[in-house]
Amino acid sequence: MPDRQSIRATLIELLEADTGENHQDLDDSVNLREGLGLDSVDVVSIVSQIERRFRIRLTQQELEKLATVTDVLDLLESKLTAGPETSAA
């Protein structure tokens, strides 16, 4: 099971691949849309990559709550520590 730092590293890798920008110094409190300039298509793309990479499913309700990098990390960490029975929707 990945720890928070490896989850964060994977998220940064996916963000960089999607946006073409360097996010190594990404602050966890930054807003995904305003701070990173992600539109809904970017968010969907990154979420689908996250789901494939970590082999989890995120519900629409969970996605609607994601506003900051911290929100994404908290959700992924809780999904991954919960185990496969709660990760697959």
N, C-alpha and C. Protein backbone atom coordinates (compact mmCIF):
# COMPACT_ATOMS: atom_id res chain seq x y z
N MET A 1 0.85 -1.19 0.00
CA MET A 1 0.00 0.00 0.00
C MET A 1 0.89 1.25 0.00
N PRO A 2 0.65 2.15 -0.95
CA PRO A 2 1.49 3.35 -1.02
C PRO A 2 1.24 4.30 0.16
N ASP A 3 2.30 4.97 0.60
CA ASP A 3 2.13 5.97 1.64
C ASP A 3 1.79 7.32 1.01
N ARG A 4 1.52 8.30 1.86
CA ARG A 4 1.07 9.61 1.37
C ARG A 4 2.08 10.25 0.43
N GLN A 5 3.37 10.10 0.72
CA GLN A 5 4.40 10.71 -0.12
C GLN A 5 4.43 10.08 -1.51
N SER A 6 4.26 8.76 -1.58
CA SER A 6 4.28 8.13 -2.90
C SER A 6 3.00 8.44 -3.66
N ILE A 7 1.88 8.58 -2.95
CA ILE A 7 0.63 8.99 -3.59
C ILE A 7 0.81 10.40 -4.16
N ARG A 8 1.41 11.27 -3.36
CA ARG A 8 1.64 12.66 -3.79
C ARG A 8 2.56 12.70 -5.01
N ALA A 9 3.62 11.88 -5.00
CA ALA A 9 4.56 11.84 -6.12
C ALA A 9 3.84 11.38 -7.40
N THR A 10 2.97 10.39 -7.27
CA THR A 10 2.21 9.90 -8.42
C THR A 10 1.26 10.98 -8.92
N LEU A 11 0.59 11.67 -8.01
CA LEU A 11 -0.32 12.75 -8.40
C LEU A 11 0.44 13.85 -9.15
N ILE A 12 1.60 14.22 -8.65
CA ILE A 12 2.41 15.24 -9.31
C ILE A 12 2.84 14.77 -10.70
N GLU A 13 3.24 13.51 -10.79
CA GLU A 13 3.62 12.94 -12.10
C GLU A 13 2.47 13.03 -13.09
N LEU A 14 1.27 12.69 -12.65
CA LEU A 14 0.09 12.73 -13.53
C LEU A 14 -0.26 14.17 -13.91
N LEU A 15 -0.18 15.09 -12.95
CA LEU A 15 -0.45 16.50 -13.23
C LEU A 15 0.54 17.05 -14.25
N GLU A 16 1.81 16.72 -14.07
CA GLU A 16 2.84 17.22 -15.00
C GLU A 16 2.63 16.66 -16.40
N ALA A 17 2.28 15.38 -16.48
CA ALA A 17 2.04 14.77 -17.79
C ALA A 17 0.83 15.40 -18.47
N ASP A 18 -0.20 15.73 -17.68
CA ASP A 18 -1.42 16.28 -18.25
C ASP A 18 -1.27 17.75 -18.64
N THR A 19 -0.58 18.52 -17.80
CA THR A 19 -0.50 19.97 -18.04
C THR A 19 0.77 20.40 -18.76
N GLY A 20 1.81 19.54 -18.74
CA GLY A 20 3.07 19.91 -19.34
C GLY A 20 3.86 20.91 -18.52
N GLU A 21 3.45 21.11 -17.27
CA GLU A 21 4.12 22.07 -16.39
C GLU A 21 4.79 21.33 -15.24
N ASN A 22 5.81 21.95 -14.64
CA ASN A 22 6.50 21.37 -13.49
C ASN A 22 5.72 21.69 -12.22
N HIS A 23 5.39 20.65 -11.45
CA HIS A 23 4.64 20.85 -10.20
C HIS A 23 5.38 20.27 -9.00
N GLN A 24 6.72 20.17 -9.08
CA GLN A 24 7.49 19.59 -7.98
C GLN A 24 7.33 20.36 -6.67
N ASP A 25 7.15 21.67 -6.74
CA ASP A 25 7.01 22.49 -5.54
C ASP A 25 5.54 22.75 -5.22
N LEU A 26 4.67 21.84 -5.61
CA LEU A 26 3.23 22.00 -5.43
C LEU A 26 2.86 22.08 -3.96
N ASP A 27 2.13 23.12 -3.62
CA ASP A 27 1.61 23.29 -2.26
C ASP A 27 0.31 22.49 -2.15
N ASP A 28 0.19 21.71 -1.08
CA ASP A 28 -0.99 20.86 -0.93
C ASP A 28 -2.30 21.65 -0.77
N SER A 29 -2.20 22.92 -0.40
CA SER A 29 -3.42 23.71 -0.20
C SER A 29 -3.91 24.37 -1.49
N VAL A 30 -3.16 24.20 -2.59
CA VAL A 30 -3.53 24.86 -3.84
C VAL A 30 -4.84 24.28 -4.38
N ASN A 31 -5.66 25.16 -4.93
CA ASN A 31 -6.94 24.76 -5.51
C ASN A 31 -6.69 24.16 -6.89
N LEU A 32 -7.34 23.06 -7.17
CA LEU A 32 -7.12 22.35 -8.43
C LEU A 32 -7.51 23.21 -9.63
N ARG A 33 -8.62 23.88 -9.55
CA ARG A 33 -9.11 24.66 -10.69
C ARG A 33 -8.44 26.03 -10.77
N GLU A 34 -8.57 26.82 -9.70
CA GLU A 34 -8.00 28.17 -9.74
C GLU A 34 -6.48 28.16 -9.64
N GLY A 35 -5.93 27.37 -8.72
CA GLY A 35 -4.49 27.37 -8.48
C GLY A 35 -3.70 26.71 -9.58
N LEU A 36 -4.23 25.62 -10.12
CA LEU A 36 -3.52 24.89 -11.17
C LEU A 36 -4.06 25.17 -12.56
N GLY A 37 -5.20 25.87 -12.61
CA GLY A 37 -5.79 26.19 -13.90
C GLY A 37 -6.40 24.99 -14.61
N LEU A 38 -6.79 23.98 -13.84
CA LEU A 38 -7.40 22.80 -14.45
C LEU A 38 -8.86 23.06 -14.78
N ASP A 39 -9.28 22.64 -15.96
CA ASP A 39 -10.70 22.71 -16.27
C ASP A 39 -11.31 21.32 -16.02
N SER A 40 -12.60 21.19 -16.24
CA SER A 40 -13.27 19.94 -15.92
C SER A 40 -12.72 18.77 -16.74
N VAL A 41 -12.30 19.02 -17.97
CA VAL A 41 -11.73 17.96 -18.80
C VAL A 41 -10.40 17.48 -18.21
N ASP A 42 -9.57 18.43 -17.75
CA ASP A 42 -8.30 18.07 -17.10
C ASP A 42 -8.54 17.22 -15.86
N VAL A 43 -9.49 17.64 -15.03
CA VAL A 43 -9.79 16.92 -13.80
C VAL A 43 -10.25 15.50 -14.11
N VAL A 44 -11.15 15.35 -15.08
CA VAL A 44 -11.64 14.02 -15.46
C VAL A 44 -10.48 13.16 -15.96
N SER A 45 -9.61 13.73 -16.78
CA SER A 45 -8.46 13.00 -17.30
C SER A 45 -7.55 12.51 -16.18
N ILE A 46 -7.24 13.39 -15.25
CA ILE A 46 -6.36 13.04 -14.14
C ILE A 46 -7.01 12.00 -13.24
N VAL A 47 -8.30 12.18 -12.96
CA VAL A 47 -9.02 11.22 -12.12
C VAL A 47 -9.03 9.83 -12.76
N SER A 48 -9.26 9.76 -14.06
CA SER A 48 -9.29 8.46 -14.71
C SER A 48 -7.91 7.81 -14.68
N GLN A 49 -6.86 8.61 -14.80
CA GLN A 49 -5.50 8.08 -14.69
C GLN A 49 -5.21 7.60 -13.26
N ILE A 50 -5.70 8.35 -12.28
CA ILE A 50 -5.54 7.95 -10.88
C ILE A 50 -6.24 6.61 -10.63
N GLU A 51 -7.47 6.50 -11.15
CA GLU A 51 -8.22 5.26 -10.97
C GLU A 51 -7.48 4.06 -11.57
N ARG A 52 -6.92 4.25 -12.75
CA ARG A 52 -6.17 3.15 -13.40
C ARG A 52 -4.89 2.84 -12.63
N ARG A 53 -4.17 3.88 -12.25
CA ARG A 53 -2.87 3.68 -11.59
C ARG A 53 -3.02 2.97 -10.24
N PHE A 54 -4.04 3.39 -9.47
CA PHE A 54 -4.21 2.83 -8.13
C PHE A 54 -5.25 1.71 -8.07
N ARG A 55 -5.88 1.43 -9.21
CA ARG A 55 -6.91 0.39 -9.31
C ARG A 55 -8.03 0.61 -8.28
N ILE A 56 -8.56 1.83 -8.30
CA ILE A 56 -9.68 2.18 -7.44
C ILE A 56 -10.76 2.84 -8.28
N ARG A 57 -11.93 3.00 -7.69
CA ARG A 57 -13.02 3.74 -8.32
C ARG A 57 -13.41 4.87 -7.39
N LEU A 58 -13.59 6.06 -7.96
CA LEU A 58 -14.05 7.22 -7.20
C LEU A 58 -15.48 7.52 -7.62
N THR A 59 -16.33 7.73 -6.64
CA THR A 59 -17.73 8.02 -6.94
C THR A 59 -17.90 9.49 -7.32
N GLN A 60 -19.02 9.79 -7.94
CA GLN A 60 -19.33 11.18 -8.31
C GLN A 60 -19.36 12.06 -7.06
N GLN A 61 -19.92 11.55 -5.97
CA GLN A 61 -19.98 12.32 -4.72
C GLN A 61 -18.58 12.64 -4.20
N GLU A 62 -17.67 11.67 -4.31
CA GLU A 62 -16.29 11.91 -3.87
C GLU A 62 -15.62 12.95 -4.75
N LEU A 63 -15.84 12.84 -6.05
CA LEU A 63 -15.22 13.79 -6.99
C LEU A 63 -15.69 15.22 -6.76
N GLU A 64 -16.95 15.37 -6.41
CA GLU A 64 -17.51 16.72 -6.20
C GLU A 64 -16.87 17.41 -5.00
N LYS A 65 -16.30 16.65 -4.07
CA LYS A 65 -15.70 17.22 -2.87
C LYS A 65 -14.24 17.62 -3.07
N LEU A 66 -13.67 17.27 -4.22
CA LEU A 66 -12.25 17.55 -4.46
C LEU A 66 -12.05 18.98 -4.92
N ALA A 67 -11.42 19.77 -4.07
CA ALA A 67 -11.14 21.16 -4.42
C ALA A 67 -9.64 21.45 -4.40
N THR A 68 -8.93 20.84 -3.46
CA THR A 68 -7.50 21.12 -3.31
C THR A 68 -6.68 19.84 -3.46
N VAL A 69 -5.37 20.00 -3.57
CA VAL A 69 -4.47 18.85 -3.63
C VAL A 69 -4.62 18.02 -2.36
N THR A 70 -4.77 18.67 -1.21
CA THR A 70 -4.97 17.95 0.05
C THR A 70 -6.22 17.07 -0.01
N ASP A 71 -7.30 17.59 -0.59
CA ASP A 71 -8.53 16.80 -0.73
C ASP A 71 -8.27 15.52 -1.52
N VAL A 72 -7.52 15.65 -2.61
CA VAL A 72 -7.21 14.48 -3.45
C VAL A 72 -6.37 13.49 -2.66
N LEU A 73 -5.32 13.98 -1.99
CA LEU A 73 -4.44 13.10 -1.22
C LEU A 73 -5.20 12.39 -0.11
N ASP A 74 -6.04 13.13 0.62
CA ASP A 74 -6.82 12.53 1.70
C ASP A 74 -7.74 11.44 1.18
N LEU A 75 -8.41 11.71 0.07
CA LEU A 75 -9.33 10.73 -0.51
C LEU A 75 -8.58 9.48 -0.96
N LEU A 76 -7.49 9.67 -1.68
CA LEU A 76 -6.73 8.53 -2.17
C LEU A 76 -6.15 7.71 -1.02
N GLU A 77 -5.64 8.41 -0.01
CA GLU A 77 -5.07 7.71 1.14
C GLU A 77 -6.14 6.88 1.85
N SER A 78 -7.33 7.44 2.03
CA SER A 78 -8.40 6.70 2.71
C SER A 78 -8.88 5.53 1.86
N LYS A 79 -8.97 5.72 0.55
CA LYS A 79 -9.40 4.63 -0.35
C LYS A 79 -8.39 3.50 -0.34
N LEU A 80 -7.12 3.85 -0.39
CA LEU A 80 -6.08 2.83 -0.48
C LEU A 80 -5.87 2.09 0.84
N THR A 81 -6.08 2.75 1.96
CA THR A 81 -5.93 2.08 3.25
C THR A 81 -7.17 1.27 3.60
N ALA A 82 -8.30 1.61 2.98
CA ALA A 82 -9.55 0.90 3.27
C ALA A 82 -9.55 -0.49 2.68
N GLY A 83 -8.79 -0.70 1.62
CA GLY A 83 -8.75 -2.01 1.00
C GLY A 83 -9.69 -2.12 -0.19
N PRO A 84 -9.57 -3.21 -0.93
CA PRO A 84 -10.31 -3.36 -2.18
C PRO A 84 -11.83 -3.42 -2.02
N GLU A 85 -12.31 -3.85 -0.87
CA GLU A 85 -13.77 -3.97 -0.74
C GLU A 85 -14.47 -2.62 -0.76
N THR A 86 -13.79 -1.55 -0.37
CA THR A 86 -14.42 -0.23 -0.41
C THR A 86 -13.91 0.59 -1.58
N SER A 87 -12.84 0.15 -2.21
CA SER A 87 -12.27 0.91 -3.32
C SER A 87 -13.02 0.70 -4.62
N ALA A 88 -13.60 -0.46 -4.78
CA ALA A 88 -14.34 -0.75 -6.03
C ALA A 88 -15.81 -0.43 -5.83
N ALA A 89 -16.29 0.47 -6.65
CA ALA A 89 -17.70 0.87 -6.50
C ALA A 89 -18.56 0.11 -7.50
